[in-house]
Amino acid sequence: MEINMAYKYSYDSEENEYRPPKLGTNRSMWKLMILNVLTFGIYGVIFFIPFSFDIDKISPKDDHSKTFNYFFAYILAFFTFSLVLAFWHHQMAGRLEDAISKRNIEYNFSKSDFWLWYILGSFILIGPFVYFHKLCKAMNLLCEDYNEDPTL
């Protein structure tokens, strides 16, 4: 004899499949630049902290190590003349490049984008803007793909 309950309970259904929380897909270069100026650089730190956590969720390293946290890189930048931040962005570009290729996303982003646009492009002043646009777009595409299928 089956009893019909007025409300569905979790144990009434079959096995519940765990779905991880959805990652944000609203990263924007313009929002980063404008709010970074308005908050005297604080928003930039808050903007990049989730990058290392999100990329570890999307595409974990084979050796299960974690990406270096941006906040600690930002603190160390005061003592290393921002070389740690350059290393962090280079590492992040490499992680994004690997994740894009693993998930078969049609988008061109690599470590060379960091070196060409962010470092060399800073001489023409528009390079960092192009790099941050490509970085935000790559991360948004990865997060959208992860939200659809987190098992890859």
Protein backbone atom coordinates (compact mmCIF):
# COMPACT_ATOMS: atom_id res chain seq x y z
CA MET A 1 0.00 0.00 0.00
CA GLU A 2 1.46 3.35 -1.07
CA ILE A 3 0.67 6.50 0.86
CA ASN A 4 0.45 9.72 -1.14
CA MET A 5 1.93 12.61 0.77
CA ALA A 6 0.90 16.19 0.17
CA TYR A 7 4.54 17.26 -0.22
CA LYS A 8 7.42 15.59 -1.98
CA TYR A 9 10.33 14.70 0.24
CA SER A 10 13.84 14.00 -0.91
CA TYR A 11 13.62 10.35 0.09
CA ASP A 12 10.43 9.90 -1.98
CA SER A 13 12.25 10.22 -5.26
CA GLU A 14 14.99 8.14 -6.74
CA GLU A 15 18.61 8.92 -6.08
CA ASN A 16 19.28 12.62 -6.12
CA GLU A 17 22.14 13.64 -8.33
CA TYR A 18 24.49 16.19 -6.82
CA ARG A 19 24.86 19.31 -8.95
CA PRO A 20 27.60 21.71 -7.88
CA PRO A 21 26.69 25.38 -7.55
CA LYS A 22 26.72 27.35 -10.77
CA LEU A 23 29.73 29.55 -11.42
CA GLY A 24 29.34 33.19 -12.39
CA THR A 25 29.40 34.02 -16.08
CA ASN A 26 29.16 37.78 -15.85
CA ARG A 27 32.82 38.81 -15.76
CA SER A 28 33.39 41.97 -17.77
CA MET A 29 36.54 43.88 -18.61
CA TRP A 30 34.71 47.22 -18.55
CA LYS A 31 33.22 46.57 -15.13
CA LEU A 32 36.67 45.55 -13.88
CA MET A 33 38.35 48.69 -15.20
CA ILE A 34 35.69 51.17 -14.08
CA LEU A 35 35.15 49.74 -10.60
CA ASN A 36 38.88 49.23 -10.11
CA VAL A 37 39.44 52.96 -10.66
CA LEU A 38 36.46 53.97 -8.51
CA THR A 39 37.53 51.75 -5.59
CA PHE A 40 41.25 52.59 -5.88
CA GLY A 41 42.23 49.03 -6.79
CA ILE A 42 40.18 47.12 -4.22
CA TYR A 43 37.70 45.77 -6.78
CA GLY A 44 40.55 44.31 -8.83
CA VAL A 45 41.58 42.15 -5.89
CA ILE A 46 37.99 41.07 -5.24
CA PHE A 47 37.50 40.39 -8.96
CA PHE A 48 40.50 38.06 -9.29
CA ILE A 49 40.22 36.09 -6.04
CA PRO A 50 37.47 33.76 -7.39
CA PHE A 51 39.50 33.04 -10.56
CA SER A 52 41.84 30.63 -8.81
CA PHE A 53 38.97 28.87 -7.04
CA ASP A 54 36.84 28.63 -10.19
CA ILE A 55 39.62 27.26 -12.37
CA ASP A 56 40.39 24.63 -9.74
CA LYS A 57 36.73 23.53 -9.90
CA ILE A 58 36.53 23.62 -13.69
CA SER A 59 39.78 21.89 -14.49
CA PRO A 60 41.67 20.45 -11.54
CA LYS A 61 45.38 19.85 -11.97
CA ASP A 62 46.55 16.28 -12.49
CA ASP A 63 48.65 16.40 -9.34
CA HIS A 64 45.68 17.83 -7.35
CA SER A 65 47.58 20.96 -6.33
CA LYS A 66 45.72 24.25 -6.12
CA THR A 67 46.25 27.47 -8.02
CA PHE A 68 48.06 30.16 -6.06
CA ASN A 69 45.51 32.49 -4.48
CA TYR A 70 45.40 36.00 -5.96
CA PHE A 71 45.13 37.70 -2.58
CA PHE A 72 48.46 36.26 -1.45
CA ALA A 73 50.02 37.16 -4.81
CA TYR A 74 48.73 40.70 -4.37
CA ILE A 75 50.28 40.97 -0.91
CA LEU A 76 53.60 39.53 -2.14
CA ALA A 77 53.55 42.01 -5.05
CA PHE A 78 54.43 44.79 -2.62
CA PHE A 79 57.71 43.03 -1.85
CA THR A 80 58.55 41.72 -5.33
CA PHE A 81 57.79 44.78 -7.48
CA SER A 82 54.69 43.05 -8.91
CA LEU A 83 56.64 40.13 -10.37
CA VAL A 84 54.42 37.72 -8.44
CA LEU A 85 51.34 39.17 -10.16
CA ALA A 86 52.97 38.64 -13.56
CA PHE A 87 53.69 35.03 -12.56
CA TRP A 88 50.10 34.60 -11.33
CA HIS A 89 48.62 35.91 -14.60
CA HIS A 90 50.99 33.71 -16.62
CA GLN A 91 49.97 30.67 -14.55
CA MET A 92 46.27 31.56 -14.90
CA ALA A 93 46.58 31.97 -18.67
CA GLY A 94 48.16 28.53 -18.85
CA ARG A 95 45.44 26.98 -16.70
CA LEU A 96 42.72 28.59 -18.85
CA GLU A 97 44.45 27.41 -22.02
CA ASP A 98 44.51 23.81 -20.73
CA ALA A 99 40.89 23.96 -19.55
CA ILE A 100 39.68 25.36 -22.88
CA SER A 101 41.40 22.59 -24.78
CA LYS A 102 40.11 19.87 -22.38
CA ARG A 103 36.54 21.08 -22.76
CA ASN A 104 36.85 21.52 -26.56
CA ILE A 105 35.76 25.16 -26.51
CA GLU A 106 36.35 27.07 -29.71
CA TYR A 107 38.22 30.08 -28.35
CA ASN A 108 41.80 31.17 -28.81
CA PHE A 109 43.44 32.03 -25.49
CA SER A 110 46.92 31.08 -24.35
CA LYS A 111 49.95 32.15 -22.34
CA SER A 112 51.18 34.09 -25.35
CA ASP A 113 48.14 36.37 -25.01
CA PHE A 114 49.44 37.38 -21.60
CA TRP A 115 52.94 38.09 -22.86
CA LEU A 116 51.89 39.78 -26.09
CA TRP A 117 48.91 41.80 -24.93
CA TYR A 118 49.52 42.45 -21.24
CA ILE A 119 53.30 42.87 -21.19
CA LEU A 120 54.26 44.04 -24.68
CA GLY A 121 50.85 45.60 -25.37
CA SER A 122 51.25 47.91 -22.40
CA PHE A 123 53.66 49.95 -24.55
CA ILE A 124 50.74 50.87 -26.83
CA LEU A 125 48.44 51.36 -23.80
CA ILE A 126 45.57 49.30 -25.20
CA GLY A 127 47.21 45.89 -24.69
CA PRO A 128 46.13 45.27 -21.08
CA PHE A 129 42.53 46.09 -22.03
CA VAL A 130 42.63 43.47 -24.80
CA TYR A 131 44.20 40.92 -22.44
CA PHE A 132 41.59 41.47 -19.71
CA HIS A 133 38.79 41.25 -22.28
CA LYS A 134 40.15 37.93 -23.58
CA LEU A 135 40.69 36.68 -20.02
CA CYS A 136 37.12 37.51 -18.96
CA LYS A 137 35.65 36.01 -22.12
CA ALA A 138 37.67 32.80 -21.71
CA MET A 139 36.61 32.45 -18.08
CA ASN A 140 32.95 33.15 -18.92
CA LEU A 141 33.00 30.50 -21.67
CA LEU A 142 34.58 27.98 -19.30
CA CYS A 143 32.06 28.71 -16.56
CA GLU A 144 29.13 28.41 -18.99
CA ASP A 145 30.43 25.05 -20.18
CA TYR A 146 31.03 23.91 -16.59
CA ASN A 147 27.50 24.96 -15.57
CA GLU A 148 26.09 22.78 -18.37
CA ASP A 149 28.33 19.78 -17.71
CA PRO A 150 30.47 19.85 -14.55
CA THR A 151 31.71 16.26 -14.97
CA LEU A 152 34.44 16.88 -17.56
